[in-house]
C-alpha atoms as a PDB file:
ATOM      1  CA  MET A   1     209.882  99.498 107.150  1.00  0.00           C
ATOM      2  CA  PRO A   2     206.358 101.536 106.563  1.00  0.00           C
ATOM      3  CA  LEU A   3     204.155  99.805 103.720  1.00  0.00           C
ATOM      4  CA  ARG A   4     203.920 101.801 100.574  1.00  0.00           C
ATOM      5  CA  LYS A   5     200.332 103.375  99.795  1.00  0.00           C
ATOM      6  CA  SER A   6     198.632 102.394  96.999  1.00  0.00           C
ATOM      7  CA  ARG A   7     197.752 104.621  94.227  1.00  0.00           C
ATOM      8  CA  ILE A   8     194.025 104.492  95.410  1.00  0.00           C
ATOM      9  CA  GLU A   9     194.889 105.473  98.868  1.00  0.00           C
ATOM     10  CA  GLU A  10     196.833 108.241  97.578  1.00  0.00           C
ATOM     11  CA  ILE A  11     194.209 109.285  95.326  1.00  0.00           C
ATOM     12  CA  GLY A  12     191.676 109.236  98.241  1.00  0.00           C
ATOM     13  CA  GLU A  13     193.740 111.235 100.501  1.00  0.00           C
ATOM     14  CA  GLU A  14     194.431 113.549  97.568  1.00  0.00           C
ATOM     15  CA  SER A  15     190.706 114.483  97.150  1.00  0.00           C
ATOM     16  CA  ARG A  16     189.945 114.698 101.049  1.00  0.00           C
ATOM     17  CA  ARG A  17     192.600 117.241 101.052  1.00  0.00           C
ATOM     18  CA  ARG A  18     191.209 119.201  98.330  1.00  0.00           C
ATOM     19  CA  ILE A  19     187.796 119.080  99.527  1.00  0.00           C
ATOM     20  CA  MET A  20     189.140 120.340 103.356  1.00  0.00           C
ATOM     21  CA  ASP A  21     191.095 123.136 101.264  1.00  0.00           C
ATOM     22  CA  ALA A  22     188.135 124.311  99.163  1.00  0.00           C
ATOM     23  CA  ALA A  23     185.867 124.022 102.411  1.00  0.00           C
ATOM     24  CA  GLU A  24     188.403 125.914 104.525  1.00  0.00           C
ATOM     25  CA  GLU A  25     188.431 128.457 102.008  1.00  0.00           C
ATOM     26  CA  LEU A  26     184.760 128.684 101.780  1.00  0.00           C
ATOM     27  CA  PHE A  27     183.693 128.903 105.238  1.00  0.00           C
ATOM     28  CA  ALA A  28     186.192 131.655 105.903  1.00  0.00           C
ATOM     29  CA  GLU A  29     184.937 133.687 103.165  1.00  0.00           C
ATOM     30  CA  LYS A  30     180.836 132.828 103.799  1.00  0.00           C
ATOM     31  CA  GLY A  31     180.397 131.060 107.119  1.00  0.00           C
ATOM     32  CA  PHE A  32     179.508 127.373 107.578  1.00  0.00           C
ATOM     33  CA  SER A  33     175.724 127.894 107.256  1.00  0.00           C
ATOM     34  CA  ARG A  34     176.137 129.509 103.796  1.00  0.00           C
ATOM     35  CA  THR A  35     178.615 127.156 102.174  1.00  0.00           C
ATOM     36  CA  SER A  36     176.946 124.206 100.319  1.00  0.00           C
ATOM     37  CA  PHE A  37     178.288 120.995  99.049  1.00  0.00           C
ATOM     38  CA  VAL A  38     177.660 122.388  95.805  1.00  0.00           C
ATOM     39  CA  ASP A  39     180.035 125.501  96.435  1.00  0.00           C
ATOM     40  CA  VAL A  40     182.770 123.148  97.859  1.00  0.00           C
ATOM     41  CA  ALA A  41     182.431 120.895  94.753  1.00  0.00           C
ATOM     42  CA  GLU A  42     182.851 123.478  92.554  1.00  0.00           C
ATOM     43  CA  ARG A  43     185.805 125.090  94.247  1.00  0.00           C
ATOM     44  CA  SER A  44     187.587 121.639  94.750  1.00  0.00           C
ATOM     45  CA  GLY A  45     186.657 120.400  91.330  1.00  0.00           C
ATOM     46  CA  ILE A  46     185.754 117.056  93.333  1.00  0.00           C
ATOM     47  CA  SER A  47     182.470 115.880  92.301  1.00  0.00           C
ATOM     48  CA  ARG A  48     179.225 116.500  94.718  1.00  0.00           C
ATOM     49  CA  GLY A  49     178.459 112.983  95.240  1.00  0.00           C
ATOM     50  CA  SER A  50     182.271 111.887  96.262  1.00  0.00           C
ATOM     51  CA  ILE A  51     182.107 114.631  99.397  1.00  0.00           C
ATOM     52  CA  PRO A  52     179.974 112.246 101.510  1.00  0.00           C
ATOM     53  CA  TRP A  53     182.114 109.583 100.440  1.00  0.00           C
ATOM     54  CA  HIS A  54     184.893 110.963 102.348  1.00  0.00           C
ATOM     55  CA  PHE A  55     182.604 113.019 105.199  1.00  0.00           C
ATOM     56  CA  ALA A  56     179.723 111.532 105.840  1.00  0.00           C
ATOM     57  CA  ASN A  57     177.616 115.087 106.055  1.00  0.00           C
ATOM     58  CA  LYS A  58     178.532 118.605 106.187  1.00  0.00           C
ATOM     59  CA  ASP A  59     179.034 118.575 109.951  1.00  0.00           C
ATOM     60  CA  GLY A  60     181.183 115.903 109.630  1.00  0.00           C
ATOM     61  CA  LEU A  61     183.324 118.004 107.125  1.00  0.00           C
ATOM     62  CA  LEU A  62     183.277 121.070 109.328  1.00  0.00           C
ATOM     63  CA  ILE A  63     184.450 119.138 112.246  1.00  0.00           C
ATOM     64  CA  ALA A  64     187.375 117.890 110.190  1.00  0.00           C
ATOM     65  CA  VAL A  65     188.416 121.426 108.976  1.00  0.00           C
ATOM     66  CA  VAL A  66     188.419 122.870 112.543  1.00  0.00           C
ATOM     67  CA  GLU A  67     190.602 120.022 113.906  1.00  0.00           C
ATOM     68  CA  ARG A  68     192.851 120.705 110.909  1.00  0.00           C
ATOM     69  CA  ALA A  69     193.202 124.182 111.835  1.00  0.00           C
ATOM     70  CA  VAL A  70     193.729 123.634 115.224  1.00  0.00           C
ATOM     71  CA  ASP A  71     196.135 121.156 114.881  1.00  0.00           C
ATOM     72  CA  GLN A  72     198.101 123.213 112.759  1.00  0.00           C
ATOM     73  CA  LEU A  73     197.879 126.021 115.664  1.00  0.00           C
ATOM     74  CA  MET A  74     198.369 123.707 118.452  1.00  0.00           C
ATOM     75  CA  PRO A  75     200.197 120.234 117.051  1.00  0.00           C
ATOM     76  CA  PRO A  76     199.054 117.035 119.091  1.00  0.00           C
ATOM     77  CA  GLY A  77     202.190 116.677 121.431  1.00  0.00           C
ATOM     78  CA  SER A  78     203.268 120.410 121.305  1.00  0.00           C
ATOM     79  CA  ILE A  79     201.986 120.918 124.900  1.00  0.00           C
ATOM     80  CA  ALA A  80     204.999 118.547 126.338  1.00  0.00           C
ATOM     81  CA  ALA A  81     207.384 120.025 123.480  1.00  0.00           C
ATOM     82  CA  SER A  82     206.774 123.409 125.170  1.00  0.00           C
ATOM     83  CA  GLY A  83     209.576 123.173 127.320  1.00  0.00           C
ATOM     84  CA  PRO A  84     211.625 125.732 128.920  1.00  0.00           C
ATOM     85  CA  GLY A  85     211.019 128.341 125.859  1.00  0.00           C
ATOM     86  CA  GLY A  86     208.146 129.715 128.120  1.00  0.00           C
ATOM     87  CA  VAL A  87     205.898 132.433 127.259  1.00  0.00           C
ATOM     88  CA  ARG A  88     208.005 133.866 124.642  1.00  0.00           C
ATOM     89  CA  GLU A  89     207.515 130.550 122.843  1.00  0.00           C
ATOM     90  CA  VAL A  90     203.115 130.309 123.059  1.00  0.00           C
ATOM     91  CA  PHE A  91     202.873 133.945 121.872  1.00  0.00           C
ATOM     92  CA  ASP A  92     205.580 133.725 119.188  1.00  0.00           C
ATOM     93  CA  ARG A  93     203.714 130.379 118.039  1.00  0.00           C
ATOM     94  CA  LEU A  94     200.227 132.253 118.184  1.00  0.00           C
ATOM     95  CA  LYS A  95     201.410 135.383 116.605  1.00  0.00           C
ATOM     96  CA  GLU A  96     202.590 133.459 113.665  1.00  0.00           C
ATOM     97  CA  TRP A  97     199.414 131.561 113.564  1.00  0.00           C
ATOM     98  CA  MET A  98     197.697 134.726 113.245  1.00  0.00           C
ATOM     99  CA  ARG A  99     199.639 135.473 110.147  1.00  0.00           C
ATOM    100  CA  GLY A 100     198.477 132.351 108.507  1.00  0.00           C
ATOM    101  CA  PRO A 101     195.609 131.050 106.223  1.00  0.00           C
ATOM    102  CA  THR A 102     194.153 129.072 108.797  1.00  0.00           C
ATOM    103  CA  ALA A 103     193.096 132.095 111.238  1.00  0.00           C
ATOM    104  CA  GLY A 104     190.455 133.439 109.401  1.00  0.00           C
ATOM    105  CA  VAL A 105     188.127 130.259 109.079  1.00  0.00           C
ATOM    106  CA  LEU A 106     188.514 129.740 113.029  1.00  0.00           C
ATOM    107  CA  TYR A 107     187.461 133.521 113.462  1.00  0.00           C
ATOM    108  CA  MET A 108     184.802 133.063 111.233  1.00  0.00           C
ATOM    109  CA  LEU A 109     183.159 129.442 112.163  1.00  0.00           C
ATOM    110  CA  LEU A 110     183.347 131.386 115.783  1.00  0.00           C
ATOM    111  CA  THR A 111     180.301 133.190 115.662  1.00  0.00           C
ATOM    112  CA  GLU A 112     178.608 129.780 114.495  1.00  0.00           C
ATOM    113  CA  ALA A 113     180.265 127.858 117.642  1.00  0.00           C
ATOM    114  CA  ILE A 114     178.448 129.863 120.155  1.00  0.00           C
ATOM    115  CA  SER A 115     175.412 127.672 119.835  1.00  0.00           C
ATOM    116  CA  SER A 116     175.681 124.851 122.230  1.00  0.00           C
ATOM    117  CA  ASP A 117     174.114 122.954 119.523  1.00  0.00           C
ATOM    118  CA  SER A 118     176.408 123.801 116.728  1.00  0.00           C
ATOM    119  CA  PRO A 119     178.575 120.557 115.656  1.00  0.00           C
ATOM    120  CA  VAL A 120     181.710 122.547 116.333  1.00  0.00           C
ATOM    121  CA  HIS A 121     180.860 123.699 119.646  1.00  0.00           C
ATOM    122  CA  THR A 122     182.639 121.168 121.890  1.00  0.00           C
ATOM    123  CA  HIS A 123     185.375 121.360 119.685  1.00  0.00           C
ATOM    124  CA  TYR A 124     185.986 125.172 120.133  1.00  0.00           C
ATOM    125  CA  VAL A 125     185.639 124.290 123.858  1.00  0.00           C
ATOM    126  CA  GLU A 126     188.173 122.095 123.606  1.00  0.00           C
ATOM    127  CA  PHE A 127     190.181 124.243 121.535  1.00  0.00           C
ATOM    128  CA  PHE A 128     190.211 127.109 124.148  1.00  0.00           C
ATOM    129  CA  ARG A 129     191.442 124.459 126.949  1.00  0.00           C
ATOM    130  CA  THR A 130     193.993 122.852 124.915  1.00  0.00           C
ATOM    131  CA  ARG A 131     195.545 126.855 124.614  1.00  0.00           C
ATOM    132  CA  ARG A 132     194.837 127.413 128.187  1.00  0.00           C
ATOM    133  CA  LYS A 133     196.694 123.715 129.233  1.00  0.00           C
ATOM    134  CA  ALA A 134     199.820 124.414 126.620  1.00  0.00           C
ATOM    135  CA  ALA A 135     200.413 127.722 128.062  1.00  0.00           C
ATOM    136  CA  GLY A 136     200.247 126.946 131.561  1.00  0.00           C
ATOM    137  CA  TYR A 137     202.621 124.251 131.099  1.00  0.00           C
ATOM    138  CA  ALA A 138     205.025 126.541 129.221  1.00  0.00           C
ATOM    139  CA  ILE A 139     204.680 129.269 132.063  1.00  0.00           C
ATOM    140  CA  SER A 140     205.028 126.625 134.827  1.00  0.00           C
ATOM    141  CA  SER A 141     208.805 125.286 132.922  1.00  0.00           C
ATOM    142  CA  ALA A 142     209.494 129.395 132.516  1.00  0.00           C
ATOM    143  CA  THR A 143     208.953 130.197 135.988  1.00  0.00           C
ATOM    144  CA  GLY A 144     210.376 126.723 137.251  1.00  0.00           C
ATOM    145  CA  SER A 145     207.331 125.826 138.986  1.00  0.00           C
ATOM    146  CA  PRO A 146     205.800 122.756 137.969  1.00  0.00           C
ATOM    147  CA  ARG A 147     204.107 122.058 141.072  1.00  0.00           C
ATOM    148  CA  ARG A 148     201.352 124.611 142.019  1.00  0.00           C
ATOM    149  CA  SER A 149     198.601 124.752 145.277  1.00  0.00           C
ATOM    150  CA  ASN A 150     195.229 124.777 144.062  1.00  0.00           C
ATOM    151  CA  ALA A 151     194.828 128.293 144.696  1.00  0.00           C
ATOM    152  CA  ASP A 152     197.874 129.071 142.563  1.00  0.00           C
ATOM    153  CA  ARG A 153     196.276 126.764 139.515  1.00  0.00           C
ATOM    154  CA  GLU A 154     193.143 128.474 140.482  1.00  0.00           C
ATOM    155  CA  ALA A 155     194.682 131.814 139.927  1.00  0.00           C
ATOM    156  CA  LEU A 156     196.778 130.730 137.035  1.00  0.00           C
ATOM    157  CA  ASP A 157     193.931 129.497 135.214  1.00  0.00           C
ATOM    158  CA  LEU A 158     192.110 132.861 135.590  1.00  0.00           C
ATOM    159  CA  LEU A 159     195.252 134.881 134.153  1.00  0.00           C
ATOM    160  CA  LEU A 160     195.315 132.544 131.507  1.00  0.00           C
ATOM    161  CA  THR A 161     191.542 132.453 130.724  1.00  0.00           C
ATOM    162  CA  VAL A 162     192.046 136.489 130.516  1.00  0.00           C
ATOM    163  CA  VAL A 163     195.083 136.214 128.342  1.00  0.00           C
ATOM    164  CA  ASN A 164     193.471 133.952 126.038  1.00  0.00           C
ATOM    165  CA  GLY A 165     190.540 136.345 125.449  1.00  0.00           C
ATOM    166  CA  ALA A 166     193.299 139.191 124.583  1.00  0.00           C
ATOM    167  CA  VAL A 167     194.936 137.117 122.259  1.00  0.00           C
ATOM    168  CA  PHE A 168     191.974 135.986 120.420  1.00  0.00           C
ATOM    169  CA  GLY A 169     190.689 139.822 120.502  1.00  0.00           C
ATOM    170  CA  ILE A 170     194.195 140.951 119.244  1.00  0.00           C
ATOM    171  CA  GLY A 171     193.892 138.283 116.504  1.00  0.00           C
ATOM    172  CA  LEU A 172     190.090 139.278 115.569  1.00  0.00           C
ATOM    173  CA  GLN A 173     191.172 143.253 115.045  1.00  0.00           C
ATOM    174  CA  TYR A 174     194.257 141.894 113.147  1.00  0.00           C
ATOM    175  CA  GLN A 175     191.699 140.223 110.655  1.00  0.00           C
ATOM    176  CA  LEU A 176     189.662 143.165 110.365  1.00  0.00           C
ATOM    177  CA  ASP A 177     192.702 145.315 110.229  1.00  0.00           C
ATOM    178  CA  PRO A 178     195.907 143.920 108.852  1.00  0.00           C
ATOM    179  CA  ALA A 179     197.454 147.528 109.377  1.00  0.00           C
ATOM    180  CA  LEU A 180     197.445 146.433 113.215  1.00  0.00           C
ATOM    181  CA  ASP A 181     201.009 146.217 114.516  1.00  0.00           C
ATOM    182  CA  LEU A 182     200.612 142.831 115.667  1.00  0.00           C
ATOM    183  CA  ASP A 183     204.274 142.476 116.397  1.00  0.00           C
ATOM    184  CA  ALA A 184     203.938 145.351 119.042  1.00  0.00           C
ATOM    185  CA  CYS A 185     200.643 144.304 120.509  1.00  0.00           C
ATOM    186  CA  MET A 186     201.951 140.620 120.737  1.00  0.00           C
ATOM    187  CA  GLU A 187     204.952 141.656 122.803  1.00  0.00           C
ATOM    188  CA  THR A 188     203.019 144.265 125.121  1.00  0.00           C
ATOM    189  CA  LEU A 189     200.942 141.175 126.017  1.00  0.00           C
ATOM    190  CA  ALA A 190     203.524 139.051 126.478  1.00  0.00           C
ATOM    191  CA  ARG A 191     205.307 141.488 128.832  1.00  0.00           C
ATOM    192  CA  LEU A 192     202.074 142.104 130.509  1.00  0.00           C
ATOM    193  CA  THR A 193     201.696 138.056 131.080  1.00  0.00           C
ATOM    194  CA  GLU A 194     205.365 138.129 132.271  1.00  0.00           C
ATOM    195  CA  ALA A 195     204.862 140.901 134.888  1.00  0.00           C
ATOM    196  CA  ALA A 196     201.515 139.325 136.311  1.00  0.00           C
ATOM    197  CA  LEU A 197     203.715 136.020 136.898  1.00  0.00           C
ATOM    198  CA  GLY A 198     206.072 138.369 138.704  1.00  0.00           C
ATOM    199  CA  ILE A 199     208.954 137.075 135.693  1.00  0.00           C
ATOM    200  CA  GLY A 200     209.386 140.561 133.828  1.00  0.00           C
ATOM    201  CA  PRO A 201     208.804 144.266 134.154  1.00  0.00           C
ATOM    202  CA  ILE A 202     205.414 146.084 133.730  1.00  0.00           C
ATOM    203  CA  PRO A 203     205.674 147.544 130.045  1.00  0.00           C
ATOM    204  CA  ALA A 204     205.614 151.185 129.410  1.00  0.00           C
ATOM    205  CA  PRO A 205     202.891 152.195 127.299  1.00  0.00           C
ATOM    206  CA  LYS A 206     203.855 153.519 123.464  1.00  0.00           C
ATOM    207  CA  SER A 207     202.736 156.712 122.052  1.00  0.00           C
ATOM    208  CA  ASP A 208     200.681 155.104 119.954  1.00  0.00           C
ATOM    209  CA  PRO A 209     197.979 153.185 121.673  1.00  0.00           C
ATOM    210  CA  GLN A 210     195.750 151.918 118.584  1.00  0.00           C
ATOM    211  CA  GLY A 211     199.250 149.196 117.614  1.00  0.00           C
ATOM    212  CA  HIS A 212     199.120 151.277 114.240  1.00  0.00           C
ATOM    213  CA  ARG A 213     202.240 151.680 112.177  1.00  0.00           C
END
């Protein structure tokens, strides 16, 4: 039977959550470099002096926010749980995430993660690697080919890199223009991916290539 948390622990967890929620909103609105502990304190209602107690510094807060956002997109253990749902399950999960509140902060912080000395740089590298790994597992399950030659694995990794770029590009356009028909775009990309894998027909282009309603 799990031990009941003390009231102090509950208060600490609630304070940590409020700080992270506020930081996530501010990072999405202003970016990391233009957000201060004072901003986070005002938005969260938690005193500025308490923030370093939960997160040693601003970099630590940034990493915690990114890790939480990534876990919401690709929860721990989801790679092994992808199972035979295959390609469509992965695309459906990504589409749901694009419409959620955490997508904006990851897109905003991506511009600051490009620099190799950014505190979040390595987390973004791992983020994309994890997405490719999860997609590769799902695709292998869908195609019934869990074992592949080195050449096949290299070709699959290249395909997933291209698909990953397309997914992120569609998501970025959706952030900029919510009128974009996200369902149609992701459906087309899913079909193109299946066609490239030899498990589906090549989709016919629609009359509106911009994907707007």
